[in-house]
Each structure stands twice: as structure tokens, then as C-alpha cells.
Amino acid sequence: MTKVTLDHIRMDLDTRETSIRELVFEHLQTTPSNVDAIVATYFVYTANSSLNHIGKSIAKLQTTAADWEEPGTLLAKSTGRLIDVQTLDGTQQLGLVRVAFPPEIIESSGGYFSSDILHIVSGAVQHDLMDSTDLKLVHVSLPVKVMRAFPGPGYGIDAFAGSVTAQDHSAWRGSRPLVGTIVKPCTGITVTELVEVVNHACQSEEIVFVKEDENLHPGFPWCPLNKRVEAVQRTVDSINSSRKTTRLMYAPHISSPPPQFMTHLKTALDAGVGAVMFSETYAGGLFRLARDEIIKGGYECLIYGHNGGIGSRGRSIYREVIDFFARLDGIDFRQTAPGGSSAYLRPIGLEHVTTENVLQTNLPTGQRPVVIVRAGGLDQGSLIVNLAEVSENGFARYLFLMGSAITGFVDPAKGYDPASGATSVEQVLLAYFDKSHSFAEIQGPGHVTELFQYATERGMTELTSSLMQRYKGIPQK
């Protein structure tokens, strides 16, 4: 057995992955126009083989596994082929490999499905064979006829912005950021407690979206899905009846195994919710299944394509590949991560840029762009940085989702105080849109201190309290 040292374990994998990604991005080629095939690009490092051998092995073994096929036969048409290899270090051991897969081998009654495609382009041959010391699926290109078979988002950016804006306040759309919250505690609560959190956190018209946490299982016995969706949606309807500029949208969490999934989806749809949230990381194909069911049933319901667990795949399948297929399958929302230097949630850097690009770039087949959700530790301090970063692209393309920063706000005298958490967000927005004040340090490390001073001078007690709760070093009262 090889002796393992702590130096092996302490290898800086993040630095290595960042370097690989930068190399891949620099050398990635587009698909040749004359290739009517699904083309997968792999980053490959091999210690005991060659790029050419690995590429040919993938093409053959991940399709027909035929050692010889007569030209023009069905067998020949069904066999993948190596397009080319591109060495990154002058050797045949480190570089990019492009392989073409015939779409016909995964066509199903004239349709195509992401789970079938990924089964072929990211299967056992690519990731399990010993020849590939390290292999990553970094890009997938689809022929137009394949892309056209995917529905894409049923609603997307424009519909979401319209749904949460009152009809007589269309000017509000795009001029204000879309802010939402997440119910906390994540689980271990009753239906009554869930309703109470939503009611207190969402009275502010700045809060246009509320979702359950992914830890709140649909079958949780103290808060079963059928009872909570009816109760929360009634509360949402009541809140909306008194709003003037915005409308609140609610997304229950329905992630579940396939045998229970359709029942949970139908329960949520019949309750009239505006959106449903679920992940398919550990149950592939659910996004397309739900989108097809929503379209077939004529429901007006958006899909929050939660990506819980995506990090477990990210070192083998690039995040933007997974998100590309999620968009094609029909999600309307996708979480990336908060921007800014203080982010602690992946993706960051180039991965963040390429992921958000694939979710919103124009596609030749016209599928709608996805609402990008900046979430995961977003709070009153980092919100202002994210607003500044995306303002040029337009606020309507993003949802800024803050969980514990709102519903986890604590008042020393009252305990959890979601209403004050929401008020603190209103105060951040006042600060951001204050034309009489310019935040010089908004992109630097001093912006939180400056925001705290701004709030203190103006008596914004909820904002000062929230910053003290979440940032060390802020002066304590």
C-alpha cells in the first residue's frame, strides 16, 4: 500500500481547480459547424496513457463498443468519434479532448432528455477507467435539432418580474431590486410557526418572494406539505390583498423520490402557489418532469431549480454544464452565489461568471433566460455590494435571496424577529438609493463599516443591529 502523507491530503485543490478552469476557458474551442452531433469537451490528465487513446476509448466504449464497423451501417452511425485533442503542455498527457456522440442513440420518440445525454457524455468510461488520472466534463454542445426538443423555462425573467409587480406599478419593474427570503429555522417547525414566520417577514413590500428551506422535507410529520401549502398560500393571498406596488410569491419545497414527487407537485399546484422549489441532484430528470406536467396542466407556476448537492459533482462535471441542462429542462430560477470578495459559497471567480452566463445568454433555439438567484449567506452587508455589481445588467434579471439575515434576525428582548429583519433590508435599500450619499468603499473591505456608520447616523436601529449580529468587529452597543 502506498504511504499517504499529510502533504498529499493538504494539497490546495481549490488553487489547482482554479488553474485548470482558467486553462480550459482560454483554450476552449467552439463546436465545428459541420458536426451534427452532441459534442462533449473533456479536460484530461493522464499519467499512463495519451489524450488520443482516451478520446478514442470514450468515443467507442461509451457508444457501441464495436472494434470494427462497416461504413454506412447502423453500427457505424451509432458509434462516437474523436474530433480532436489539444495539448496544454506539449505532451499527450494533459489537454482537452473533444468527442462527438450521435444524437440518434439517445433519441426517445423524437425527444431528448438531459439525463440520457449526461448518461452518455459523462458515464462510466469517462470517470471510472484507470487511464484517466483526472477527467472533467467541461463543455457540451448540442445540435439545433436536439436543443429544440427542450422546453426551456416556462416563464423566466420577464414573467417573474411581472408576477411580483402590481399592474398599475409597471414602472417599478426593473427600477427596484427583487428581494426575497427563506423560512428559518430550516426545519423542526409546525405549520403554525411556518405561517407566523412568513406573515412577519413578508409584510414589507420590498419582499417579493418567500421560499421554504431545502431541509424542510415535504413529509415532515409536524409540518406536512398538504397542510402547510394551503395555510401559507392563504397568508400570502392575504398579504397581497393589501399591497400596492408588489405581489408576494411563495415556493414550497417538494424535493422527494420519484414515487412521491408527482403527488407533492400536484398538491402544491392545486394550492395555487406561484412557484415550487426542488433539487434533482440526487433524483435526475425531475426538472423536465415537472415542467412538462405544469405545461400540460395549464398551471401558472414557476420552478425554483434548487441546486443542493451540486458541489458534489463540480470537480467532475463543470457547474455550467449542469446549469445549461437545467435551463433547457425548464427551470425559472437558479442559485449561483453572492458576489463580492467576502463570499464563502461556491461558485467564485471564473466559475461564477461562466455559470451566470450560461443561465442568461441568448440561445439559438430561443429558450428563455433564467432568473439568477444570488443567495447563500447574502445579508445586509453583502447585499449592497451585489446591488452595485448587477445594476448595469438590470435588477429584474436577479433575485436577491436572504434567509437567516431576515428570518433569523434576533431581537434580544423578543427573540426571533423576522419583521425587524425585513425592516433592516428596507434600510439597506434606502442607503443604496440615497443620492445624497456615495459609498466610496462599496467594492472594498470597508463597505460594511461605512454602511454601519451611515445607519447609525440616521437612527436605522434594525440595520445597525443586523450588521452587529453578522459581522465581527462592528462596534457593539
Protein backbone atom coordinates (compact mmCIF):
# COMPACT_ATOMS: atom_id res chain seq x y z
CA MET A 1 0.00 0.00 0.00
CA THR A 2 1.29 3.46 -0.92
CA LYS A 3 2.25 5.53 2.09
CA VAL A 4 -0.01 8.58 2.31
CA THR A 5 1.48 11.70 3.85
CA LEU A 6 -0.33 14.72 5.22
CA ASP A 7 1.13 16.73 2.34
CA HIS A 8 -0.98 14.64 -0.05
CA ILE A 9 -4.09 15.41 1.96
CA ARG A 10 -3.28 19.09 2.35
CA MET A 11 -2.99 19.69 -1.38
CA ASP A 12 -4.60 23.02 -2.27
CA LEU A 13 -7.34 21.64 -4.51
CA ASP A 14 -9.06 25.00 -4.94
CA THR A 15 -5.92 26.55 -6.40
CA ARG A 16 -5.48 23.55 -8.69
CA GLU A 17 -9.10 23.69 -9.85
CA THR A 18 -8.89 27.43 -10.48
CA SER A 19 -5.77 26.96 -12.61
CA ILE A 20 -7.42 24.17 -14.61
CA ARG A 21 -10.53 26.26 -15.19
CA GLU A 22 -8.51 29.23 -16.43
CA LEU A 23 -6.60 26.97 -18.85
CA VAL A 24 -9.80 25.39 -20.10
CA PHE A 25 -11.51 28.75 -20.59
CA GLU A 26 -8.51 30.08 -22.51
CA HIS A 27 -8.30 27.11 -24.90
CA LEU A 28 -11.92 26.00 -25.21
CA GLN A 29 -13.00 25.77 -28.84
CA THR A 30 -16.47 26.08 -30.23
CA THR A 31 -18.08 23.13 -31.97
CA PRO A 32 -17.22 22.80 -35.68
CA SER A 33 -20.20 23.92 -37.78
CA ASN A 34 -20.18 20.74 -39.84
CA VAL A 35 -20.62 18.41 -36.86
CA ASP A 36 -24.26 17.32 -36.45
CA ALA A 37 -23.62 15.62 -33.14
CA ILE A 38 -23.57 16.08 -29.40
CA VAL A 39 -20.03 17.26 -28.76
CA ALA A 40 -18.51 16.87 -25.32
CA THR A 41 -15.24 18.51 -24.33
CA TYR A 42 -13.17 17.00 -21.56
CA PHE A 43 -10.20 18.21 -19.62
CA VAL A 44 -7.92 15.18 -19.29
CA TYR A 45 -4.78 14.50 -17.34
CA THR A 46 -3.41 11.00 -17.75
CA ALA A 47 -0.28 9.59 -16.14
CA ASN A 48 -0.10 6.31 -18.07
CA SER A 49 -1.91 6.82 -21.39
CA SER A 50 -2.43 9.52 -24.03
CA LEU A 51 -5.10 12.06 -24.87
CA ASN A 52 -5.66 10.44 -28.24
CA HIS A 53 -6.14 6.97 -26.75
CA ILE A 54 -8.54 8.24 -24.07
CA GLY A 55 -10.57 10.19 -26.61
CA LYS A 56 -10.94 7.17 -28.88
CA SER A 57 -11.83 4.96 -25.93
CA ILE A 58 -14.60 7.32 -24.83
CA ALA A 59 -15.99 7.56 -28.35
CA LYS A 60 -16.12 3.82 -28.81
CA LEU A 61 -16.83 2.39 -25.37
CA GLN A 62 -19.46 4.95 -24.40
CA THR A 63 -21.46 4.20 -27.56
CA THR A 64 -21.30 0.83 -29.39
CA ALA A 65 -18.03 -0.62 -28.04
CA ALA A 66 -17.57 -2.07 -31.54
CA ASP A 67 -14.00 -2.76 -32.65
CA TRP A 68 -14.95 -2.57 -36.31
CA GLU A 69 -17.98 -1.36 -38.20
CA GLU A 70 -18.70 -1.30 -41.89
CA PRO A 71 -19.08 2.27 -43.19
CA GLY A 72 -22.68 3.36 -43.71
CA THR A 73 -24.22 0.73 -41.44
CA LEU A 74 -26.37 1.39 -38.40
CA LEU A 75 -23.48 0.29 -36.22
CA ALA A 76 -21.19 2.85 -37.84
CA LYS A 77 -23.75 5.62 -37.49
CA SER A 78 -24.20 4.76 -33.82
CA THR A 79 -20.51 4.90 -32.90
CA GLY A 80 -18.98 8.03 -31.43
CA ARG A 81 -15.81 9.55 -32.82
CA LEU A 82 -12.90 11.58 -31.59
CA ILE A 83 -12.90 15.05 -33.14
CA ASP A 84 -9.54 16.28 -31.89
CA VAL A 85 -7.23 16.72 -28.93
CA GLN A 86 -5.49 19.87 -27.82
CA THR A 87 -2.42 19.52 -25.64
CA LEU A 88 -1.93 22.13 -22.95
CA ASP A 89 1.69 21.34 -22.08
CA GLY A 90 3.24 19.98 -25.28
CA THR A 91 2.71 16.37 -24.26
CA GLN A 92 -0.07 13.87 -24.97
CA GLN A 93 -0.92 13.62 -21.28
CA LEU A 94 -2.54 16.95 -20.40
CA GLY A 95 -5.12 18.73 -22.51
CA LEU A 96 -8.60 18.95 -23.96
CA VAL A 97 -10.38 16.14 -25.79
CA ARG A 98 -13.47 16.63 -27.96
CA VAL A 99 -15.73 13.69 -28.73
CA ALA A 100 -18.82 13.59 -30.97
CA PHE A 101 -21.77 11.41 -29.99
CA PRO A 102 -24.56 10.61 -32.48
CA PRO A 103 -27.88 12.02 -31.16
CA GLU A 104 -29.79 9.09 -32.62
CA ILE A 105 -28.57 6.68 -29.95
CA ILE A 106 -30.39 8.61 -27.22
CA GLU A 107 -33.44 9.80 -29.13
CA SER A 108 -36.69 8.76 -27.47
CA SER A 109 -39.86 9.02 -29.60
CA GLY A 110 -38.50 12.14 -31.23
CA GLY A 111 -37.48 13.70 -27.93
CA TYR A 112 -34.27 14.16 -25.97
CA PHE A 113 -33.69 14.29 -22.24
CA SER A 114 -30.77 15.71 -20.26
CA SER A 115 -30.45 12.63 -18.06
CA ASP A 116 -29.99 10.44 -21.15
CA ILE A 117 -27.42 12.81 -22.64
CA LEU A 118 -25.42 13.04 -19.42
CA HIS A 119 -25.53 9.25 -19.09
CA ILE A 120 -23.61 9.05 -22.37
CA VAL A 121 -21.31 12.07 -22.19
CA SER A 122 -20.45 11.69 -18.50
CA GLY A 123 -20.66 7.97 -17.82
CA ALA A 124 -18.58 5.11 -16.55
CA VAL A 125 -15.93 5.20 -19.28
CA GLN A 126 -15.15 8.85 -18.68
CA HIS A 127 -14.95 8.81 -14.91
CA ASP A 128 -14.23 5.23 -13.86
CA LEU A 129 -11.47 3.89 -16.11
CA MET A 130 -7.99 3.97 -14.64
CA ASP A 131 -6.34 5.53 -17.72
CA SER A 132 -7.79 8.94 -16.87
CA THR A 133 -5.98 10.18 -13.80
CA ASP A 134 -8.23 13.24 -13.84
CA LEU A 135 -11.09 13.89 -16.26
CA LYS A 136 -13.65 16.68 -16.20
CA LEU A 137 -16.61 17.27 -18.49
CA VAL A 138 -16.14 20.99 -19.17
CA HIS A 139 -18.49 21.74 -22.07
CA VAL A 140 -21.35 20.21 -24.05
CA SER A 141 -22.61 21.50 -27.39
CA LEU A 142 -25.93 20.33 -28.84
CA PRO A 143 -27.16 20.38 -32.44
CA VAL A 144 -30.09 22.72 -33.06
CA LYS A 145 -32.47 19.79 -33.62
CA VAL A 146 -31.63 18.46 -30.15
CA MET A 147 -31.87 21.83 -28.41
CA ARG A 148 -35.27 22.48 -29.97
CA ALA A 149 -36.61 19.38 -28.22
CA PHE A 150 -36.20 21.03 -24.81
CA PRO A 151 -38.94 23.30 -23.43
CA GLY A 152 -36.74 25.73 -21.51
CA PRO A 153 -38.17 27.95 -18.75
CA GLY A 154 -41.94 28.20 -18.84
CA TYR A 155 -41.79 31.77 -17.52
CA GLY A 156 -38.29 33.08 -16.82
CA ILE A 157 -37.16 36.62 -16.12
CA ASP A 158 -39.92 38.77 -17.61
CA ALA A 159 -42.79 36.70 -16.25
CA PHE A 160 -41.36 36.67 -12.73
CA ALA A 161 -40.82 40.43 -12.68
CA GLY A 162 -44.36 40.90 -13.97
CA SER A 163 -45.89 38.47 -11.47
CA VAL A 164 -44.49 40.28 -8.45
CA THR A 165 -45.40 43.77 -9.67
CA ALA A 166 -48.84 45.30 -9.33
CA GLN A 167 -50.41 46.04 -12.71
CA ASP A 168 -50.60 49.78 -12.12
CA HIS A 169 -46.98 49.99 -10.99
CA SER A 170 -45.17 48.68 -14.06
CA ALA A 171 -42.63 51.50 -13.73
CA TRP A 172 -41.46 49.84 -10.52
CA ARG A 173 -40.35 46.80 -12.52
CA GLY A 174 -36.63 46.90 -13.18
CA SER A 175 -36.06 50.05 -11.14
CA ARG A 176 -36.03 48.20 -7.82
CA PRO A 177 -34.18 45.02 -6.89
CA LEU A 178 -36.25 41.87 -6.37
CA VAL A 179 -35.62 40.71 -2.81
CA GLY A 180 -36.82 37.52 -1.17
CA THR A 181 -36.35 35.48 1.97
CA ILE A 182 -36.13 31.89 3.20
CA VAL A 183 -38.02 30.44 6.14
CA LYS A 184 -35.81 29.80 9.16
CA PRO A 185 -35.48 27.70 11.26
CA CYS A 186 -34.89 25.33 8.36
CA THR A 187 -36.97 22.52 9.84
CA GLY A 188 -38.31 21.41 13.22
CA ILE A 189 -41.26 23.82 12.98
CA THR A 190 -45.03 23.42 12.84
CA VAL A 191 -47.43 24.75 10.22
CA THR A 192 -48.48 27.49 12.63
CA GLU A 193 -44.87 28.56 13.19
CA LEU A 194 -44.17 28.50 9.45
CA VAL A 195 -47.15 30.75 8.76
CA GLU A 196 -46.07 33.09 11.53
CA VAL A 197 -42.58 33.48 10.06
CA VAL A 198 -43.96 34.20 6.59
CA ASN A 199 -46.51 36.66 7.94
CA HIS A 200 -43.94 38.64 9.92
CA ALA A 201 -41.11 38.55 7.37
CA CYS A 202 -43.18 39.45 4.31
CA GLN A 203 -45.26 42.45 5.35
CA SER A 204 -42.66 44.69 3.72
CA GLU A 205 -43.46 45.36 0.06
CA GLU A 206 -39.75 45.04 -0.69
CA ILE A 207 -40.02 41.28 -0.04
CA VAL A 208 -41.49 39.74 -3.19
CA PHE A 209 -40.52 36.08 -2.80
CA VAL A 210 -40.51 33.62 0.08
CA LYS A 211 -39.44 30.01 -0.08
CA GLU A 212 -39.04 27.16 2.32
CA ASP A 213 -35.60 25.83 3.14
CA GLU A 214 -34.45 22.64 1.42
CA ASN A 215 -34.19 20.96 4.83
CA LEU A 216 -37.94 21.22 5.33
CA HIS A 217 -38.92 17.84 3.92
CA PRO A 218 -42.37 17.56 2.30
CA GLY A 219 -43.26 14.66 4.60
CA PHE A 220 -42.06 16.22 7.84
CA PRO A 221 -44.81 15.00 10.21
CA TRP A 222 -45.19 18.23 12.20
CA CYS A 223 -45.43 20.29 9.03
CA PRO A 224 -46.78 18.12 6.19
CA LEU A 225 -46.82 19.62 2.71
CA ASN A 226 -50.57 19.45 2.14
CA LYS A 227 -51.36 21.42 5.30
CA ARG A 228 -48.57 23.96 5.02
CA VAL A 229 -49.10 24.94 1.36
CA GLU A 230 -52.76 25.70 1.98
CA ALA A 231 -52.05 27.67 5.16
CA VAL A 232 -49.11 29.64 3.78
CA GLN A 233 -50.81 30.41 0.47
CA ARG A 234 -53.82 31.81 2.35
CA THR A 235 -51.41 34.05 4.25
CA VAL A 236 -49.71 35.12 1.03
CA ASP A 237 -53.07 35.93 -0.56
CA SER A 238 -53.99 37.99 2.50
CA ILE A 239 -50.70 39.89 2.36
CA ASN A 240 -51.15 40.58 -1.35
CA SER A 241 -54.67 41.92 -0.82
CA SER A 242 -53.26 44.95 1.00
CA ARG A 243 -50.16 45.56 -1.12
CA LYS A 244 -49.98 48.47 -3.54
CA THR A 245 -46.77 48.09 -5.58
CA THR A 246 -45.67 44.45 -5.36
CA ARG A 247 -47.01 40.92 -5.07
CA LEU A 248 -45.55 38.17 -2.88
CA MET A 249 -44.76 34.76 -4.41
CA TYR A 250 -44.40 31.59 -2.31
CA ALA A 251 -42.40 28.49 -3.19
CA PRO A 252 -42.80 25.37 -1.04
CA HIS A 253 -40.07 22.75 -1.02
CA ILE A 254 -41.10 19.49 -2.70
CA SER A 255 -37.84 17.56 -3.26
CA SER A 256 -38.64 13.87 -2.92
CA PRO A 257 -38.01 10.46 -4.51
CA PRO A 258 -39.75 9.93 -7.87
CA PRO A 259 -42.58 7.75 -6.45
CA GLN A 260 -43.72 10.60 -4.18
CA PHE A 261 -42.65 13.57 -6.30
CA MET A 262 -45.67 13.85 -8.58
CA THR A 263 -48.05 13.71 -5.62
CA HIS A 264 -46.19 16.54 -3.90
CA LEU A 265 -46.05 18.58 -7.10
CA LYS A 266 -49.80 18.20 -7.66
CA THR A 267 -50.52 19.16 -4.03
CA ALA A 268 -48.57 22.39 -4.44
CA LEU A 269 -50.07 23.21 -7.83
CA ASP A 270 -53.62 22.66 -6.63
CA ALA A 271 -52.99 25.01 -3.70
CA GLY A 272 -52.30 27.79 -6.22
CA VAL A 273 -48.69 28.50 -5.27
CA GLY A 274 -46.71 30.78 -7.57
CA ALA A 275 -43.63 28.58 -7.58
CA VAL A 276 -42.26 25.25 -6.40
CA MET A 277 -38.74 24.57 -5.24
CA PHE A 278 -36.84 21.30 -5.54
CA SER A 279 -33.48 19.82 -6.39
CA GLU A 280 -32.78 16.97 -8.79
CA THR A 281 -29.15 16.40 -7.82
CA TYR A 282 -29.98 13.04 -6.30
CA ALA A 283 -33.02 12.30 -8.47
CA GLY A 284 -32.16 13.21 -12.05
CA GLY A 285 -34.83 14.26 -14.51
CA LEU A 286 -37.25 15.96 -12.13
CA PHE A 287 -36.94 19.44 -13.66
CA ARG A 288 -38.16 18.24 -17.05
CA LEU A 289 -40.82 16.04 -15.47
CA ALA A 290 -42.23 18.97 -13.50
CA ARG A 291 -42.06 21.43 -16.38
CA ASP A 292 -43.92 19.05 -18.70
CA GLU A 293 -46.59 18.45 -16.05
CA ILE A 294 -47.05 22.18 -15.40
CA ILE A 295 -47.38 22.93 -19.10
CA LYS A 296 -49.76 20.01 -19.66
CA GLY A 297 -51.95 21.04 -16.74
CA GLY A 298 -52.06 24.71 -17.70
CA TYR A 299 -50.75 25.87 -14.33
CA GLU A 300 -49.09 29.25 -13.82
CA CYS A 301 -46.25 28.09 -11.63
CA LEU A 302 -42.53 28.81 -11.79
CA ILE A 303 -39.80 26.28 -10.97
CA TYR A 304 -37.11 27.22 -8.49
CA GLY A 305 -34.40 24.80 -9.64
CA HIS A 306 -32.56 24.36 -6.38
CA ASN A 307 -29.04 23.01 -6.79
CA GLY A 308 -28.44 21.48 -3.38
CA GLY A 309 -25.59 18.99 -3.65
CA ILE A 310 -24.24 20.33 -6.95
CA GLY A 311 -20.85 20.79 -5.32
CA SER A 312 -20.55 17.00 -5.06
CA ARG A 313 -20.29 16.91 -8.86
CA GLY A 314 -18.48 20.14 -9.59
CA ARG A 315 -14.97 18.74 -9.80
CA SER A 316 -16.04 16.17 -12.42
CA ILE A 317 -18.81 17.97 -14.32
CA TYR A 318 -18.46 21.71 -14.61
CA ARG A 319 -21.29 23.58 -12.93
CA GLU A 320 -22.18 25.49 -16.08
CA VAL A 321 -22.78 22.19 -17.92
CA ILE A 322 -25.25 21.08 -15.24
CA ASP A 323 -26.92 24.50 -15.21
CA PHE A 324 -27.13 24.56 -19.01
CA PHE A 325 -29.20 21.38 -18.98
CA ALA A 326 -31.28 22.63 -16.04
CA ARG A 327 -32.17 25.70 -18.09
CA LEU A 328 -33.08 23.59 -21.12
CA ASP A 329 -35.22 21.33 -18.92
CA GLY A 330 -37.30 24.28 -17.79
CA ILE A 331 -36.24 25.87 -14.50
CA ASP A 332 -37.13 29.53 -13.96
CA PHE A 333 -34.74 30.28 -11.07
CA ARG A 334 -31.20 29.10 -10.35
CA GLN A 335 -28.99 29.96 -7.40
CA THR A 336 -25.40 30.90 -8.01
CA ALA A 337 -23.72 32.68 -5.08
CA PRO A 338 -23.36 36.18 -3.70
CA GLY A 339 -20.77 38.30 -5.47
CA GLY A 340 -18.08 40.22 -3.68
CA SER A 341 -14.75 39.42 -2.09
CA SER A 342 -16.30 38.15 1.15
CA ALA A 343 -18.25 35.30 -0.50
CA TYR A 344 -17.74 31.94 1.13
CA LEU A 345 -20.04 29.91 -1.09
CA ARG A 346 -19.11 28.43 -4.45
CA PRO A 347 -19.08 29.35 -7.29
CA ILE A 348 -16.49 32.13 -7.23
CA GLY A 349 -14.25 33.75 -9.80
CA LEU A 350 -14.42 32.47 -13.36
CA GLU A 351 -16.83 29.69 -12.38
CA HIS A 352 -19.28 32.31 -11.16
CA VAL A 353 -19.04 34.25 -14.45
CA THR A 354 -19.42 31.25 -16.75
CA THR A 355 -22.30 29.83 -14.71
CA GLU A 356 -24.33 33.03 -14.74
CA ASN A 357 -23.58 33.49 -18.45
CA VAL A 358 -24.96 30.08 -19.42
CA LEU A 359 -28.15 30.79 -17.49
CA GLN A 360 -28.90 34.06 -19.25
CA THR A 361 -27.11 34.18 -22.61
CA ASN A 362 -29.32 34.11 -25.70
CA LEU A 363 -29.74 30.62 -27.15
CA PRO A 364 -30.19 29.97 -30.89
CA THR A 365 -33.33 27.97 -30.17
CA GLY A 366 -34.94 30.72 -28.11
CA GLN A 367 -35.33 29.17 -24.65
CA ARG A 368 -35.93 31.93 -22.11
CA PRO A 369 -33.19 33.12 -19.75
CA VAL A 370 -33.32 32.10 -16.09
CA VAL A 371 -33.68 34.38 -13.08
CA ILE A 372 -30.33 34.25 -11.30
CA VAL A 373 -30.69 33.94 -7.54
CA ARG A 374 -27.90 35.49 -5.54
CA ALA A 375 -28.16 33.53 -2.30
CA GLY A 376 -26.18 31.62 0.29
CA GLY A 377 -25.02 33.86 3.08
CA LEU A 378 -26.34 37.02 1.42
CA ASP A 379 -27.04 39.59 4.11
CA GLN A 380 -27.47 43.28 4.80
CA GLY A 381 -23.76 43.93 4.33
CA SER A 382 -23.13 41.94 1.17
CA LEU A 383 -26.47 42.91 -0.41
CA ILE A 384 -25.26 46.41 -1.17
CA VAL A 385 -22.18 45.02 -2.94
CA ASN A 386 -24.30 42.72 -5.09
CA LEU A 387 -26.70 45.52 -6.00
CA ALA A 388 -23.81 47.62 -7.24
CA GLU A 389 -22.35 44.71 -9.19
CA VAL A 390 -25.50 43.84 -11.16
CA SER A 391 -27.04 47.30 -11.56
CA GLU A 392 -25.75 47.66 -15.13
CA ASN A 393 -27.47 44.42 -16.21
CA GLY A 394 -30.80 45.44 -14.69
CA PHE A 395 -32.26 44.35 -11.36
CA ALA A 396 -35.07 42.34 -12.97
CA ARG A 397 -32.60 39.67 -14.06
CA TYR A 398 -31.80 38.76 -10.45
CA LEU A 399 -33.47 37.69 -7.23
CA PHE A 400 -31.59 38.61 -4.06
CA LEU A 401 -32.49 35.95 -1.53
CA MET A 402 -31.69 36.43 2.15
CA GLY A 403 -32.56 33.74 4.65
CA SER A 404 -31.19 33.95 8.17
CA ALA A 405 -30.36 37.63 7.62
CA ILE A 406 -34.13 38.27 7.70
CA THR A 407 -35.95 35.35 9.31
CA GLY A 408 -33.02 34.65 11.62
CA PHE A 409 -32.82 38.24 12.89
CA VAL A 410 -32.76 38.24 16.67
CA ASP A 411 -34.08 40.93 18.96
CA PRO A 412 -32.51 40.48 22.43
CA ALA A 413 -35.84 41.20 24.07
CA LYS A 414 -38.20 39.33 21.72
CA GLY A 415 -36.05 36.54 20.25
CA TYR A 416 -36.52 35.81 16.56
CA ASP A 417 -37.89 38.94 14.88
CA PRO A 418 -38.35 38.49 11.09
CA ALA A 419 -40.26 41.77 10.81
CA SER A 420 -37.23 43.72 12.03
CA GLY A 421 -35.06 41.67 9.68
CA ALA A 422 -37.23 42.82 6.78
CA THR A 423 -37.09 46.40 8.02
CA SER A 424 -33.29 46.24 8.02
CA VAL A 425 -33.42 45.29 4.33
CA GLU A 426 -35.64 48.29 3.61
CA GLN A 427 -32.99 50.41 5.29
CA VAL A 428 -30.19 48.91 3.18
CA LEU A 429 -32.16 49.80 0.06
CA LEU A 430 -32.70 53.33 1.32
CA ALA A 431 -28.95 53.63 1.81
CA TYR A 432 -28.16 52.21 -1.61
CA PHE A 433 -30.57 54.54 -3.43
CA ASP A 434 -29.66 57.58 -1.35
CA LYS A 435 -28.43 60.02 -4.00
CA SER A 436 -27.02 62.31 -1.33
CA HIS A 437 -24.51 59.70 -0.21
CA SER A 438 -21.89 57.81 -2.20
CA PHE A 439 -20.38 54.63 -0.74
CA ALA A 440 -16.73 55.06 -1.64
CA GLU A 441 -15.81 51.66 -0.26
CA ILE A 442 -18.74 49.76 -1.75
CA GLN A 443 -16.46 47.30 -3.56
CA GLY A 444 -13.82 47.20 -0.86
CA PRO A 445 -13.48 45.66 2.60
CA GLY A 446 -14.60 48.83 4.35
CA HIS A 447 -18.12 48.96 2.98
CA VAL A 448 -19.74 47.26 5.99
CA THR A 449 -18.19 49.72 8.41
CA GLU A 450 -19.28 52.61 6.21
CA LEU A 451 -22.80 51.20 5.97
CA PHE A 452 -22.89 50.79 9.75
CA GLN A 453 -21.85 54.42 10.25
CA TYR A 454 -24.46 55.55 7.73
CA ALA A 455 -27.20 53.61 9.54
CA THR A 456 -26.07 54.81 12.98
CA GLU A 457 -26.14 58.47 11.93
CA ARG A 458 -29.70 58.08 10.62
CA GLY A 459 -31.10 56.06 13.51
CA MET A 460 -31.61 52.88 11.49
CA THR A 461 -31.59 50.65 14.53
CA GLU A 462 -32.65 47.45 12.74
CA LEU A 463 -29.84 47.76 10.19
CA THR A 464 -27.19 48.53 12.80
CA SER A 465 -28.37 45.57 14.87
CA SER A 466 -28.30 43.20 11.89
CA LEU A 467 -24.76 44.23 10.97
CA MET A 468 -23.58 43.74 14.55
CA GLN A 469 -25.12 40.28 14.58
CA ARG A 470 -23.41 39.16 11.37
CA TYR A 471 -20.06 40.97 11.26
CA LYS A 472 -17.29 40.75 13.80
CA GLY A 473 -15.50 43.97 14.56
CA ILE A 474 -18.58 46.16 14.15
CA PRO A 475 -18.83 48.39 17.26
CA GLN A 476 -21.15 46.87 19.84
CA LYS A 477 -23.72 48.97 21.66
